[in-house]
Amino acid sequence: MTSPVLVLFHRIADPPSAVARRYVVDYALEDRVLFRNVAFAEAETAWRELGGQLTPALWDGVHLHQGAEAVVARLQAVVNLGRDA
């Protein structure tokens, strides 16, 4: 099992977050993506420290990709190219 290198900041009741979570599951990326619900203070603090303003947001270790379209595009690079960074 590969340790997660991507962090998905999301909100459970947020439809765009559901799109991102569904993409992770549909493409079997659960072993590479750590889910962090920003409803919890620790996750929200981490997200805000990275510049978070919009959910979902995906941290790839360098950039915070915000919004469902940006998150899915970044995840597609992982699926299509095997690129984590």
N, C-alpha and C. Protein backbone atom coordinates (compact mmCIF):
# COMPACT_ATOMS: atom_id res chain seq x y z
N MET A 1 0.84 -1.19 0.00
CA MET A 1 0.00 0.00 0.00
C MET A 1 0.88 1.24 0.00
N THR A 2 0.60 2.15 -0.90
CA THR A 2 1.33 3.41 -1.00
C THR A 2 0.77 4.38 0.03
N SER A 3 1.64 5.13 0.68
CA SER A 3 1.12 6.12 1.63
C SER A 3 0.58 7.31 0.85
N PRO A 4 -0.48 7.93 1.38
CA PRO A 4 -1.09 9.05 0.67
C PRO A 4 -0.10 10.20 0.47
N VAL A 5 -0.12 10.77 -0.70
CA VAL A 5 0.71 11.93 -0.98
C VAL A 5 -0.14 13.14 -1.34
N LEU A 6 -1.42 12.90 -1.55
CA LEU A 6 -2.36 13.96 -1.88
C LEU A 6 -3.36 14.08 -0.74
N VAL A 7 -3.75 15.31 -0.44
CA VAL A 7 -4.72 15.54 0.64
C VAL A 7 -5.93 16.25 0.04
N LEU A 8 -7.10 15.64 0.20
CA LEU A 8 -8.35 16.23 -0.28
C LEU A 8 -9.08 16.85 0.90
N PHE A 9 -9.16 18.17 0.90
CA PHE A 9 -9.94 18.90 1.89
C PHE A 9 -11.35 19.03 1.32
N HIS A 10 -12.34 18.64 2.10
CA HIS A 10 -13.71 18.58 1.60
C HIS A 10 -14.70 18.88 2.71
N ARG A 11 -15.95 19.03 2.31
CA ARG A 11 -17.09 19.16 3.23
C ARG A 11 -18.09 18.08 2.84
N ILE A 12 -18.59 17.36 3.81
CA ILE A 12 -19.50 16.24 3.53
C ILE A 12 -20.73 16.67 2.74
N ALA A 13 -21.39 17.75 3.13
CA ALA A 13 -22.65 18.15 2.50
C ALA A 13 -22.47 19.03 1.26
N ASP A 14 -21.25 19.24 0.83
CA ASP A 14 -20.94 20.12 -0.29
C ASP A 14 -20.95 19.32 -1.59
N PRO A 15 -21.89 19.60 -2.53
CA PRO A 15 -21.94 18.84 -3.78
C PRO A 15 -20.63 18.83 -4.57
N PRO A 16 -19.91 19.95 -4.70
CA PRO A 16 -18.63 19.87 -5.41
C PRO A 16 -17.62 18.94 -4.71
N SER A 17 -17.65 18.91 -3.39
CA SER A 17 -16.78 17.99 -2.66
C SER A 17 -17.15 16.55 -2.96
N ALA A 18 -18.44 16.29 -3.11
CA ALA A 18 -18.90 14.93 -3.45
C ALA A 18 -18.36 14.51 -4.81
N VAL A 19 -18.29 15.44 -5.74
CA VAL A 19 -17.74 15.13 -7.07
C VAL A 19 -16.29 14.67 -6.93
N ALA A 20 -15.52 15.39 -6.14
CA ALA A 20 -14.10 15.04 -5.94
C ALA A 20 -13.95 13.70 -5.23
N ARG A 21 -14.73 13.49 -4.17
CA ARG A 21 -14.65 12.22 -3.44
C ARG A 21 -15.03 11.05 -4.35
N ARG A 22 -16.06 11.24 -5.13
CA ARG A 22 -16.51 10.19 -6.05
C ARG A 22 -15.42 9.86 -7.07
N TYR A 23 -14.72 10.87 -7.56
CA TYR A 23 -13.64 10.63 -8.51
C TYR A 23 -12.54 9.77 -7.87
N VAL A 24 -12.18 10.10 -6.66
CA VAL A 24 -11.16 9.32 -5.94
C VAL A 24 -11.58 7.87 -5.84
N VAL A 25 -12.82 7.63 -5.46
CA VAL A 25 -13.32 6.25 -5.30
C VAL A 25 -13.45 5.56 -6.66
N ASP A 26 -14.02 6.24 -7.64
CA ASP A 26 -14.22 5.63 -8.96
C ASP A 26 -12.92 5.20 -9.61
N TYR A 27 -11.84 5.91 -9.33
CA TYR A 27 -10.55 5.59 -9.93
C TYR A 27 -9.59 4.91 -8.96
N ALA A 28 -10.15 4.41 -7.86
CA ALA A 28 -9.39 3.62 -6.87
C ALA A 28 -8.12 4.32 -6.40
N LEU A 29 -8.28 5.59 -6.04
CA LEU A 29 -7.15 6.38 -5.56
C LEU A 29 -7.11 6.50 -4.04
N GLU A 30 -7.93 5.72 -3.36
CA GLU A 30 -8.04 5.84 -1.90
C GLU A 30 -6.71 5.65 -1.18
N ASP A 31 -5.81 4.85 -1.75
CA ASP A 31 -4.53 4.62 -1.11
C ASP A 31 -3.54 5.76 -1.35
N ARG A 32 -3.90 6.71 -2.21
CA ARG A 32 -3.02 7.82 -2.53
C ARG A 32 -3.58 9.17 -2.11
N VAL A 33 -4.84 9.20 -1.67
CA VAL A 33 -5.49 10.46 -1.31
C VAL A 33 -6.02 10.35 0.12
N LEU A 34 -5.58 11.26 0.95
CA LEU A 34 -6.06 11.35 2.33
C LEU A 34 -7.22 12.33 2.36
N PHE A 35 -8.38 11.90 2.87
CA PHE A 35 -9.55 12.77 2.98
C PHE A 35 -9.50 13.52 4.30
N ARG A 36 -9.70 14.83 4.26
CA ARG A 36 -9.75 15.66 5.47
C ARG A 36 -10.98 16.54 5.39
N ASN A 37 -11.91 16.32 6.29
CA ASN A 37 -13.16 17.06 6.34
C ASN A 37 -12.92 18.37 7.09
N VAL A 38 -13.11 19.51 6.41
CA VAL A 38 -12.84 20.81 7.03
C VAL A 38 -13.87 21.20 8.07
N ALA A 39 -14.85 20.35 8.32
CA ALA A 39 -15.78 20.58 9.43
C ALA A 39 -15.06 20.37 10.77
N PHE A 40 -13.92 19.68 10.73
CA PHE A 40 -13.11 19.46 11.93
C PHE A 40 -12.04 20.54 12.01
N ALA A 41 -11.88 21.11 13.19
CA ALA A 41 -10.99 22.27 13.37
C ALA A 41 -9.57 22.02 12.88
N GLU A 42 -9.01 20.85 13.18
CA GLU A 42 -7.64 20.56 12.76
C GLU A 42 -7.50 20.57 11.24
N ALA A 43 -8.46 19.96 10.55
CA ALA A 43 -8.43 19.93 9.09
C ALA A 43 -8.65 21.32 8.51
N GLU A 44 -9.58 22.07 9.10
CA GLU A 44 -9.83 23.42 8.60
C GLU A 44 -8.60 24.30 8.78
N THR A 45 -7.94 24.19 9.91
CA THR A 45 -6.73 24.98 10.16
C THR A 45 -5.65 24.66 9.12
N ALA A 46 -5.44 23.38 8.86
CA ALA A 46 -4.44 22.97 7.87
C ALA A 46 -4.79 23.51 6.49
N TRP A 47 -6.06 23.43 6.13
CA TRP A 47 -6.55 23.91 4.83
C TRP A 47 -6.35 25.42 4.72
N ARG A 48 -6.72 26.15 5.75
CA ARG A 48 -6.57 27.62 5.75
C ARG A 48 -5.10 28.02 5.67
N GLU A 49 -4.23 27.30 6.38
CA GLU A 49 -2.79 27.60 6.35
C GLU A 49 -2.20 27.43 4.96
N LEU A 50 -2.81 26.58 4.15
CA LEU A 50 -2.37 26.37 2.77
C LEU A 50 -3.00 27.37 1.81
N GLY A 51 -3.85 28.26 2.34
CA GLY A 51 -4.52 29.26 1.50
C GLY A 51 -5.92 28.86 1.10
N GLY A 52 -6.47 27.85 1.76
CA GLY A 52 -7.80 27.35 1.42
C GLY A 52 -8.90 28.39 1.57
N GLN A 53 -9.70 28.47 0.51
CA GLN A 53 -10.87 29.35 0.50
C GLN A 53 -12.09 28.65 -0.08
N LEU A 54 -11.86 27.58 -0.82
CA LEU A 54 -12.93 26.91 -1.56
C LEU A 54 -12.75 25.41 -1.42
N THR A 55 -13.86 24.70 -1.20
CA THR A 55 -13.82 23.24 -1.19
C THR A 55 -14.55 22.72 -2.42
N PRO A 56 -14.11 21.59 -2.90
CA PRO A 56 -12.98 20.80 -2.42
C PRO A 56 -11.66 21.47 -2.79
N ALA A 57 -10.62 21.04 -2.10
CA ALA A 57 -9.27 21.52 -2.40
C ALA A 57 -8.32 20.33 -2.27
N LEU A 58 -7.39 20.25 -3.17
CA LEU A 58 -6.44 19.14 -3.18
C LEU A 58 -5.03 19.68 -3.03
N TRP A 59 -4.35 19.27 -1.98
CA TRP A 59 -2.96 19.63 -1.74
C TRP A 59 -2.09 18.52 -2.31
N ASP A 60 -1.18 18.89 -3.21
CA ASP A 60 -0.31 17.88 -3.82
C ASP A 60 1.13 17.96 -3.30
N GLY A 61 1.30 18.70 -2.22
CA GLY A 61 2.63 18.86 -1.66
C GLY A 61 3.31 20.13 -2.11
N VAL A 62 2.77 20.73 -3.17
CA VAL A 62 3.32 21.97 -3.72
C VAL A 62 2.23 23.02 -3.88
N HIS A 63 1.12 22.61 -4.49
CA HIS A 63 0.03 23.53 -4.81
C HIS A 63 -1.28 23.06 -4.18
N LEU A 64 -2.13 24.04 -3.85
CA LEU A 64 -3.49 23.75 -3.40
C LEU A 64 -4.42 24.04 -4.56
N HIS A 65 -5.00 22.99 -5.11
CA HIS A 65 -5.93 23.10 -6.23
C HIS A 65 -7.33 23.23 -5.64
N GLN A 66 -8.05 24.32 -5.96
CA GLN A 66 -9.33 24.59 -5.31
C GLN A 66 -10.48 24.56 -6.31
N GLY A 67 -11.59 23.98 -5.86
CA GLY A 67 -12.77 23.83 -6.69
C GLY A 67 -12.78 22.47 -7.35
N ALA A 68 -13.98 21.95 -7.58
CA ALA A 68 -14.11 20.59 -8.13
C ALA A 68 -13.41 20.42 -9.46
N GLU A 69 -13.51 21.39 -10.34
CA GLU A 69 -12.90 21.27 -11.66
C GLU A 69 -11.37 21.17 -11.56
N ALA A 70 -10.76 22.01 -10.74
CA ALA A 70 -9.31 21.99 -10.57
C ALA A 70 -8.85 20.70 -9.88
N VAL A 71 -9.62 20.26 -8.89
CA VAL A 71 -9.27 19.04 -8.17
C VAL A 71 -9.35 17.83 -9.09
N VAL A 72 -10.42 17.72 -9.85
CA VAL A 72 -10.57 16.58 -10.76
C VAL A 72 -9.48 16.62 -11.83
N ALA A 73 -9.15 17.80 -12.34
CA ALA A 73 -8.09 17.90 -13.34
C ALA A 73 -6.77 17.40 -12.77
N ARG A 74 -6.46 17.75 -11.54
CA ARG A 74 -5.22 17.29 -10.90
C ARG A 74 -5.24 15.79 -10.69
N LEU A 75 -6.39 15.27 -10.26
CA LEU A 75 -6.52 13.83 -10.06
C LEU A 75 -6.41 13.08 -11.38
N GLN A 76 -6.90 13.67 -12.47
CA GLN A 76 -6.78 13.04 -13.78
C GLN A 76 -5.31 12.87 -14.16
N ALA A 77 -4.47 13.82 -13.79
CA ALA A 77 -3.04 13.69 -14.07
C ALA A 77 -2.46 12.49 -13.33
N VAL A 78 -2.95 12.25 -12.13
CA VAL A 78 -2.49 11.09 -11.36
C VAL A 78 -2.92 9.81 -12.06
N VAL A 79 -4.17 9.76 -12.48
CA VAL A 79 -4.70 8.57 -13.15
C VAL A 79 -4.04 8.36 -14.51
N ASN A 80 -3.99 9.40 -15.32
CA ASN A 80 -3.50 9.27 -16.70
C ASN A 80 -2.00 9.17 -16.81
N LEU A 81 -1.29 9.88 -15.95
CA LEU A 81 0.15 9.94 -16.09
C LEU A 81 0.90 9.29 -14.92
N GLY A 82 0.14 8.90 -13.90
CA GLY A 82 0.79 8.33 -12.73
C GLY A 82 1.61 9.36 -11.97
N ARG A 83 1.25 10.64 -12.12
CA ARG A 83 2.01 11.73 -11.51
C ARG A 83 1.39 12.13 -10.18
N ASP A 84 2.13 11.97 -9.11
CA ASP A 84 1.68 12.44 -7.79
C ASP A 84 2.12 13.87 -7.57
N ALA A 85 3.19 14.28 -8.21
CA ALA A 85 3.71 15.64 -8.01
C ALA A 85 3.73 16.39 -9.32
